[in-house]
Amino acid sequence: MLFTILIYGAEGLADRLPATEREALLDKHRALQARLQAEGKFRGAVQLMPPSTAMKVQDKGSGLRVLDGPYAESKEQILGFYLVECDTMEEALEAAKALPQGVAQMEVRAVNWAGGLQ
């Protein structure tokens, strides 16, 4: 079963960390990716660009409109996500626990559909 691990936090969070802390944070991501890859469970990971780069496509009934972002109405943004294949929610939660804690929040959610995966 596929799960996504959504990573929420303040925009530019990693950029504000001292270099050693930022590198330690990235090391945890690399370690999780390597472990999941070795287990055949890694399907992808994405770090998103800042919300200021977002565009919104909206249908207001009179045709499509394209609007400049950002659109989130909170200080927390989706910074990135993982797509992992796990047998259970508990296994997916263990993967999320391997990510850096205390700098961002993780949300684990089952995926109903994902196209283009092999």
Protein backbone atom coordinates (compact mmCIF):
# COMPACT_ATOMS: atom_id res chain seq x y z
CA MET A 1 0.00 0.00 0.00
CA LEU A 2 1.24 3.50 -0.77
CA PHE A 3 1.56 6.18 1.87
CA THR A 4 2.61 9.79 1.71
CA ILE A 5 4.60 11.49 4.44
CA LEU A 6 3.73 15.18 4.22
CA ILE A 7 6.26 17.54 5.79
CA TYR A 8 4.90 20.82 7.16
CA GLY A 9 6.88 23.73 8.54
CA ALA A 10 7.70 27.40 8.30
CA GLU A 11 8.78 28.65 4.89
CA GLY A 12 12.58 28.85 4.59
CA LEU A 13 13.00 26.81 7.75
CA ALA A 14 16.09 24.89 6.62
CA ASP A 15 17.70 28.01 5.19
CA ARG A 16 17.66 29.65 8.63
CA LEU A 17 19.42 26.77 10.39
CA PRO A 18 23.17 26.85 11.04
CA ALA A 19 25.07 24.86 8.40
CA THR A 20 25.85 21.98 10.77
CA GLU A 21 22.19 21.60 11.78
CA ARG A 22 21.06 21.83 8.15
CA GLU A 23 23.55 19.10 7.18
CA ALA A 24 22.40 16.88 10.06
CA LEU A 25 18.80 17.37 8.89
CA LEU A 26 19.74 16.38 5.34
CA ASP A 27 21.69 13.35 6.63
CA LYS A 28 18.48 12.00 8.19
CA HIS A 29 16.66 12.41 4.88
CA ARG A 30 19.49 10.68 3.02
CA ALA A 31 19.57 7.82 5.53
CA LEU A 32 15.82 7.23 5.27
CA GLN A 33 15.92 7.37 1.48
CA ALA A 34 18.82 4.89 1.37
CA ARG A 35 17.07 2.51 3.77
CA LEU A 36 13.77 2.64 1.90
CA GLN A 37 15.60 2.23 -1.42
CA ALA A 38 17.41 -0.88 -0.13
CA GLU A 39 14.06 -2.30 1.06
CA GLY A 40 12.40 -1.56 -2.30
CA LYS A 41 9.89 0.77 -0.61
CA PHE A 42 11.07 4.18 -1.80
CA ARG A 43 8.83 5.67 -4.49
CA GLY A 44 9.94 9.30 -4.37
CA ALA A 45 10.62 12.38 -2.31
CA VAL A 46 10.01 16.00 -3.19
CA GLN A 47 11.21 19.27 -1.66
CA LEU A 48 8.84 21.99 -2.78
CA MET A 49 9.88 25.50 -3.78
CA PRO A 50 8.54 28.36 -1.62
CA PRO A 51 4.82 29.22 -1.81
CA SER A 52 5.73 32.50 -3.52
CA THR A 53 6.49 30.42 -6.64
CA ALA A 54 2.97 28.92 -6.69
CA MET A 55 0.32 29.55 -9.32
CA LYS A 56 -3.33 28.65 -8.90
CA VAL A 57 -5.64 27.39 -11.66
CA GLN A 58 -9.23 28.12 -10.70
CA ASP A 59 -12.56 27.59 -12.42
CA LYS A 60 -15.11 30.19 -11.31
CA GLY A 61 -17.76 28.97 -13.76
CA SER A 62 -16.86 31.57 -16.39
CA GLY A 63 -13.67 29.85 -17.48
CA LEU A 64 -10.31 29.07 -16.05
CA ARG A 65 -8.24 31.74 -14.35
CA VAL A 66 -4.56 31.56 -13.46
CA LEU A 67 -3.61 33.48 -10.32
CA ASP A 68 -0.28 34.20 -8.64
CA GLY A 69 0.40 32.58 -5.23
CA PRO A 70 0.95 32.07 -2.41
CA TYR A 71 -2.39 30.83 -1.14
CA ALA A 72 -1.90 29.12 2.20
CA GLU A 73 -3.46 31.11 5.01
CA SER A 74 -1.18 29.79 7.71
CA LYS A 75 2.46 30.15 8.67
CA GLU A 76 3.02 26.46 8.06
CA GLN A 77 3.50 25.33 4.49
CA ILE A 78 3.92 21.94 2.85
CA LEU A 79 7.70 21.84 2.48
CA GLY A 80 7.82 18.48 0.73
CA PHE A 81 6.68 14.89 0.83
CA TYR A 82 7.70 11.28 0.50
CA LEU A 83 5.85 8.54 -1.33
CA VAL A 84 6.59 5.16 0.24
CA GLU A 85 5.25 1.64 -0.14
CA CYS A 86 4.60 0.01 3.22
CA ASP A 87 2.58 -2.97 4.37
CA THR A 88 0.89 -1.08 7.21
CA MET A 89 0.29 2.40 8.58
CA GLU A 90 2.57 1.51 11.49
CA GLU A 91 5.43 0.83 9.07
CA ALA A 92 4.82 4.17 7.33
CA LEU A 93 4.80 5.91 10.73
CA GLU A 94 8.17 4.34 11.53
CA ALA A 95 9.54 5.85 8.31
CA ALA A 96 8.19 9.27 9.33
CA LYS A 97 9.82 8.90 12.75
CA ALA A 98 13.19 8.49 11.00
CA LEU A 99 12.92 12.02 9.59
CA PRO A 100 14.25 15.07 11.46
CA GLN A 101 11.95 15.87 14.35
CA GLY A 102 11.47 19.22 16.05
CA VAL A 103 11.96 21.34 12.93
CA ALA A 104 8.85 20.30 11.00
CA GLN A 105 5.70 18.26 11.47
CA MET A 106 4.92 15.07 9.62
CA GLU A 107 1.54 13.80 8.50
CA VAL A 108 1.25 10.22 7.25
CA ARG A 109 -1.67 9.47 4.98
CA ALA A 110 -2.65 6.46 2.86
CA VAL A 111 -2.70 7.09 -0.88
CA ASN A 112 -5.80 6.13 -2.82
CA TRP A 113 -4.30 6.54 -6.28
CA ALA A 114 -0.92 7.32 -7.81
CA GLY A 115 -0.28 7.27 -11.54
CA GLY A 116 2.97 6.73 -13.39
CA LEU A 117 4.57 4.46 -10.81
CA GLN A 118 6.24 1.22 -11.81
